[in-house]
Protein backbone atom coordinates (compact mmCIF):
# COMPACT_ATOMS: atom_id res chain seq x y z
CA MET A 1 -34.56 60.36 9.78
CA HIS A 2 -30.90 61.40 9.76
CA LEU A 3 -29.75 59.34 6.80
CA ASN A 4 -26.13 60.40 6.99
CA SER A 5 -25.79 59.42 10.66
CA LEU A 6 -25.93 55.68 9.97
CA LYS A 7 -22.91 53.73 11.10
CA LYS A 8 -20.88 52.59 8.12
CA TYR A 9 -20.67 51.25 4.65
CA ILE A 10 -20.80 47.48 4.36
CA PRO A 11 -17.25 46.21 3.72
CA ASN A 12 -16.62 45.00 0.18
CA ASN A 13 -16.62 41.36 1.22
CA ASP A 14 -20.02 41.49 2.98
CA PRO A 15 -22.58 40.53 0.31
CA ILE A 16 -26.32 41.14 0.54
CA ILE A 17 -28.44 38.20 -0.58
CA ILE A 18 -32.16 38.56 -1.24
CA ILE A 19 -34.11 35.32 -0.97
CA GLY A 20 -37.78 34.41 -0.90
CA MET A 21 -40.41 32.68 -2.99
CA HIS A 22 -41.12 33.92 -6.50
CA ARG A 23 -43.73 36.73 -6.48
CA SER A 24 -42.97 37.56 -2.85
CA GLY A 25 -41.40 40.98 -3.44
CA THR A 26 -37.80 40.00 -4.17
CA SER A 27 -37.75 42.21 -7.30
CA ILE A 28 -39.01 45.19 -5.32
CA MET A 29 -36.25 44.67 -2.78
CA GLY A 30 -33.70 44.27 -5.58
CA GLY A 31 -34.78 47.60 -7.02
CA VAL A 32 -34.65 49.25 -3.60
CA LEU A 33 -31.09 48.06 -2.96
CA SER A 34 -30.04 49.19 -6.42
CA ARG A 35 -31.32 52.70 -5.69
CA LEU A 36 -29.56 52.70 -2.33
CA GLY A 37 -26.24 52.23 -4.11
CA ILE A 38 -25.84 48.45 -3.95
CA ASP A 39 -24.37 46.80 -7.06
CA MET A 40 -26.94 44.15 -8.01
CA GLY A 41 -25.05 43.03 -11.13
CA GLU A 42 -23.62 44.39 -14.34
CA GLU A 43 -25.88 42.36 -16.61
CA LEU A 44 -29.41 41.94 -15.27
CA VAL A 45 -32.41 39.91 -16.41
CA GLY A 46 -34.58 42.33 -18.38
CA LYS A 47 -38.03 43.73 -17.74
CA TRP A 48 -41.16 41.74 -18.46
CA TRP A 49 -44.88 42.41 -18.32
CA SER A 50 -45.11 40.80 -14.87
CA ASN A 51 -42.07 42.80 -13.66
CA PRO A 52 -42.29 46.04 -15.68
CA LEU A 53 -39.72 47.80 -13.48
CA GLY A 54 -37.19 44.98 -13.80
CA HIS A 55 -36.18 41.76 -12.05
CA PHE A 56 -32.78 42.97 -10.73
CA GLU A 57 -31.39 39.47 -11.15
CA ASP A 58 -27.72 39.13 -12.03
CA LYS A 59 -27.64 36.86 -15.09
CA LYS A 60 -24.59 35.01 -13.77
CA PHE A 61 -26.31 33.96 -10.54
CA PHE A 62 -29.57 33.33 -12.38
CA SER A 63 -27.89 31.01 -14.89
CA LEU A 64 -25.82 29.25 -12.23
CA ASN A 65 -28.82 28.56 -10.00
CA LYS A 66 -30.87 27.36 -12.97
CA ARG A 67 -28.15 24.88 -13.97
CA ILE A 68 -27.69 23.64 -10.39
CA LEU A 69 -31.40 22.85 -10.12
CA GLU A 70 -31.45 21.19 -13.54
CA ALA A 71 -28.42 19.06 -12.62
CA ALA A 72 -30.26 18.03 -9.44
CA GLY A 73 -33.22 16.91 -11.54
CA GLY A 74 -35.58 19.85 -11.05
CA ALA A 75 -36.34 23.52 -11.60
CA TRP A 76 -37.65 26.55 -9.73
CA ASP A 77 -41.21 25.21 -10.00
CA ALA A 78 -40.19 21.60 -9.36
CA PRO A 79 -37.74 21.90 -6.45
CA PRO A 80 -35.32 18.98 -6.23
CA VAL A 81 -34.98 17.29 -2.85
CA ARG A 82 -32.30 18.82 -0.66
CA ASP A 83 -29.89 15.89 -0.94
CA ALA A 84 -30.01 16.07 -4.73
CA ILE A 85 -29.03 19.75 -4.63
CA GLN A 86 -26.30 19.15 -2.08
CA ALA A 87 -24.95 16.34 -4.25
CA GLN A 88 -24.06 18.98 -6.85
CA LYS A 89 -21.54 20.61 -4.52
CA ASP A 90 -18.41 19.29 -6.18
CA ASN A 91 -19.77 19.92 -9.67
CA PHE A 92 -20.36 23.63 -9.08
CA THR A 93 -17.90 24.66 -6.36
CA GLU A 94 -15.46 26.37 -8.73
CA GLU A 95 -18.23 28.27 -10.53
CA ILE A 96 -19.73 29.42 -7.26
CA LYS A 97 -16.37 30.57 -5.95
CA ASP A 98 -15.63 32.33 -9.23
CA VAL A 99 -18.92 34.23 -9.46
CA ILE A 100 -18.51 35.41 -5.85
CA ARG A 101 -14.84 36.29 -6.32
CA ARG A 102 -15.67 38.51 -9.29
CA LYS A 103 -18.10 40.57 -7.18
CA ARG A 104 -15.80 41.43 -4.29
CA SER A 105 -14.56 44.74 -5.69
CA SER A 106 -17.66 46.76 -4.77
CA LEU A 107 -20.63 47.09 -2.45
CA TRP A 108 -22.68 44.27 -3.89
CA GLY A 109 -25.49 41.79 -3.59
CA TRP A 110 -27.66 39.50 -5.66
CA LYS A 111 -31.26 38.48 -5.96
CA ASP A 112 -32.70 35.28 -7.38
CA PRO A 113 -35.55 33.36 -5.71
CA ARG A 114 -33.84 30.12 -6.75
CA THR A 115 -31.12 30.94 -4.23
CA SER A 116 -33.69 30.00 -1.59
CA LEU A 117 -33.10 26.40 -2.74
CA THR A 118 -29.35 26.52 -3.49
CA ILE A 119 -28.03 28.79 -0.72
CA LYS A 120 -26.30 25.98 1.21
CA LEU A 121 -23.90 25.56 -1.72
CA TYR A 122 -22.93 29.25 -1.60
CA LEU A 123 -22.66 29.72 2.16
CA PRO A 124 -19.11 28.31 2.68
CA TYR A 125 -17.73 30.96 0.30
CA LEU A 126 -19.60 34.00 1.65
CA THR A 127 -17.93 36.32 4.15
CA ASN A 128 -20.24 37.98 6.70
CA PRO A 129 -23.33 37.91 4.47
CA TYR A 130 -26.51 39.90 5.04
CA PHE A 131 -29.74 38.07 4.18
CA ILE A 132 -32.98 39.84 3.33
CA VAL A 133 -35.91 37.42 3.29
CA CYS A 134 -39.01 38.51 1.38
CA GLN A 135 -42.28 37.05 2.61
CA ARG A 136 -45.82 37.13 1.27
CA ASP A 137 -49.14 35.44 1.96
CA HIS A 138 -49.16 32.05 0.21
CA GLN A 139 -52.57 32.59 -1.32
CA ALA A 140 -51.45 35.92 -2.79
CA ILE A 141 -48.33 34.29 -4.22
CA ALA A 142 -50.43 31.55 -5.78
CA LYS A 143 -52.80 34.07 -7.36
CA SER A 144 -49.85 35.99 -8.80
CA LEU A 145 -48.38 32.78 -10.24
CA ARG A 146 -51.80 31.97 -11.69
CA ARG A 147 -51.82 35.31 -13.53
CA ARG A 148 -48.22 35.00 -14.69
CA ASP A 149 -47.83 31.29 -15.43
CA ASN A 150 -51.38 29.97 -15.41
CA MET A 151 -50.35 27.80 -12.47
CA GLU A 152 -53.05 26.12 -10.41
CA ILE A 153 -53.66 27.84 -7.07
CA GLU A 154 -53.04 24.65 -5.10
CA GLU A 155 -49.69 24.18 -6.85
CA GLY A 156 -48.66 27.76 -6.15
CA ILE A 157 -49.44 27.36 -2.46
CA ARG A 158 -47.54 24.07 -2.35
CA LEU A 159 -44.47 25.72 -3.91
CA ALA A 160 -44.63 28.69 -1.56
CA LYS A 161 -44.67 26.31 1.41
CA ILE A 162 -41.62 24.41 0.09
CA TYR A 163 -39.62 27.62 -0.36
CA GLU A 164 -40.63 28.88 3.08
CA GLU A 165 -39.70 25.56 4.70
CA ARG A 166 -36.28 25.48 3.00
CA ILE A 167 -35.55 29.07 4.03
CA ASN A 168 -36.65 28.52 7.64
CA ASP A 169 -34.59 25.33 7.93
CA PHE A 170 -31.54 27.11 6.52
CA PHE A 171 -31.65 29.78 9.22
CA LYS A 172 -32.41 27.26 11.95
CA ALA A 173 -29.23 25.44 10.94
CA ASN A 174 -27.31 28.75 10.83
CA PRO A 175 -28.80 30.86 13.66
CA LYS A 176 -25.91 33.33 13.80
CA LEU A 177 -26.44 34.61 10.27
CA ARG A 178 -27.68 38.19 9.91
CA MET A 179 -31.22 38.13 8.55
CA LEU A 180 -34.03 40.63 8.03
CA ASP A 181 -37.62 39.65 7.19
CA ILE A 182 -39.49 41.97 4.84
CA PRO A 183 -43.22 41.19 4.57
CA TYR A 184 -44.52 42.10 1.10
CA GLU A 185 -47.79 43.47 2.43
CA GLU A 186 -46.02 45.77 4.91
CA MET A 187 -43.55 46.94 2.28
CA LEU A 188 -46.46 48.21 0.21
CA ALA A 189 -48.51 49.52 3.14
CA VAL A 190 -45.73 51.34 5.03
CA PRO A 191 -42.76 51.64 2.63
CA GLU A 192 -41.07 54.34 4.71
CA LYS A 193 -40.91 52.06 7.76
CA GLN A 194 -39.60 49.04 5.82
CA LEU A 195 -37.06 51.17 3.98
CA LYS A 196 -35.76 52.53 7.28
CA ARG A 197 -35.56 48.97 8.68
CA THR A 198 -33.54 47.90 5.64
CA ILE A 199 -31.10 50.80 5.88
CA ASP A 200 -30.60 50.28 9.61
CA PHE A 201 -30.13 46.54 9.16
CA LEU A 202 -27.49 46.99 6.46
CA GLU A 203 -25.80 49.82 8.38
CA ILE A 204 -25.25 51.84 5.23
CA ARG A 205 -25.10 55.56 4.59
CA VAL A 206 -27.47 56.86 1.96
CA ASN A 207 -28.16 60.41 0.89
CA GLN A 208 -31.59 62.00 0.63
CA GLU A 209 -31.75 61.53 -3.13
CA GLN A 210 -31.05 57.80 -2.87
CA TYR A 211 -33.66 57.45 -0.14
CA GLN A 212 -36.32 59.26 -2.17
CA GLU A 213 -35.53 57.22 -5.29
CA ALA A 214 -35.87 53.99 -3.30
CA LEU A 215 -39.13 55.18 -1.78
CA LYS A 216 -40.55 56.13 -5.19
CA PHE A 217 -39.61 52.71 -6.51
CA VAL A 218 -41.45 50.81 -3.79
CA LEU A 219 -44.47 53.11 -3.52
CA PRO A 220 -47.46 50.97 -4.54
CA LYS A 221 -49.04 51.66 -7.90
CA GLU A 222 -52.38 52.08 -6.13
CA LYS A 223 -50.99 54.96 -4.06
CA ILE A 224 -49.40 56.53 -7.13
CA ASP A 225 -52.74 56.29 -8.93
CA GLN A 226 -54.49 57.82 -5.92
CA LEU A 227 -52.01 60.68 -5.88
CA SER A 228 -52.48 61.18 -9.62
CA LYS A 229 -56.26 61.26 -9.20
CA LYS A 230 -55.94 63.85 -6.43
CA VAL A 231 -53.71 66.00 -8.61
CA ARG A 232 -56.11 65.74 -11.55
CA ALA A 233 -59.06 66.52 -9.28
CA LYS A 234 -57.32 69.61 -7.93
CA GLU A 235 -56.56 70.75 -11.49
CA ARG A 236 -60.23 70.37 -12.44
CA ILE A 237 -61.32 72.34 -9.37
CA GLU A 238 -58.89 75.12 -10.28
CA MET A 239 -60.25 75.13 -13.83
CA VAL A 240 -63.80 75.47 -12.52
CA LYS A 241 -62.78 78.34 -10.23
CA LYS A 242 -61.12 80.15 -13.12
CA ALA A 243 -64.15 79.55 -15.32
CA VAL A 244 -66.29 81.31 -12.71
CA THR A 245 -63.96 84.11 -11.62
CA LYS A 246 -61.63 84.59 -14.61
CA PRO A 247 -63.23 83.08 -17.71
CA TRP A 248 -60.78 84.83 -20.06
CA LYS A 249 -57.94 82.67 -18.64
CA ILE A 250 -59.79 79.49 -19.66
CA ALA A 251 -60.19 80.86 -23.16
CA ARG A 252 -56.46 81.66 -23.36
CA PHE A 253 -55.61 78.17 -22.07
CA ILE A 254 -57.78 76.51 -24.73
CA LEU A 255 -56.34 78.72 -27.48
CA ARG A 256 -52.79 77.79 -26.43
CA LYS A 257 -53.70 74.09 -26.56
CA ILE A 258 -55.13 74.49 -30.06
CA TRP A 259 -52.17 76.58 -31.21
CA SER A 260 -49.66 73.99 -29.93
CA LYS A 261 -51.19 71.32 -32.15
CA ILE A 262 -50.93 73.38 -35.35
CA PRO A 263 -47.82 72.27 -37.32
């Protein structure tokens, strides 16, 4: 892939918004964009055991979305009805405009699954936005929520369906918006392909280092473990070969190990 042949940088006023249900891969995509040079926020929500690499959520958007949902009588796991969210328009217009205005000085984007519910309030103030929609099997989402929040499987599936319905209806009402679907399962199975799709969709230039960093970030833990096992297996085979053909090298290796531990 000729990374430097891509068309252009996204203009400063073209934000990239990641939406999707919680546990659908939005954090992975946030990390990918960060490594491709996109400003995902100066102050981000920190790492947690369920997201050990980070959430990549701008605290300003996170807090704003949380307060919008609370004002509408709900939360991320108790989505308010659409009319209740829309009724908050006048109460939060200035804050929404302000948080967007502050981000216009750089190549930027934001990620917060709650935006899947509140995006209609933001849309009038976004110029030429790019939307990346993260998708995942509902059952898998529910199982992940069960592990993280001890949520019942049926409730997790119900929530995933609500988020998916809201997102689909949003794009049906705004068919001209630029949108890219990223299936979670395919991102893990063929990260190179999904990374290329993302770069092409955003029409950005990235260098080889940025590409490799993004790829390393999204590479599934299972594959990393497999690679590590292969490396360890090869090392053991080499040790066995040396033990047979050059036993004195094994002895030297062991002595060096022992010597390195002596204070």
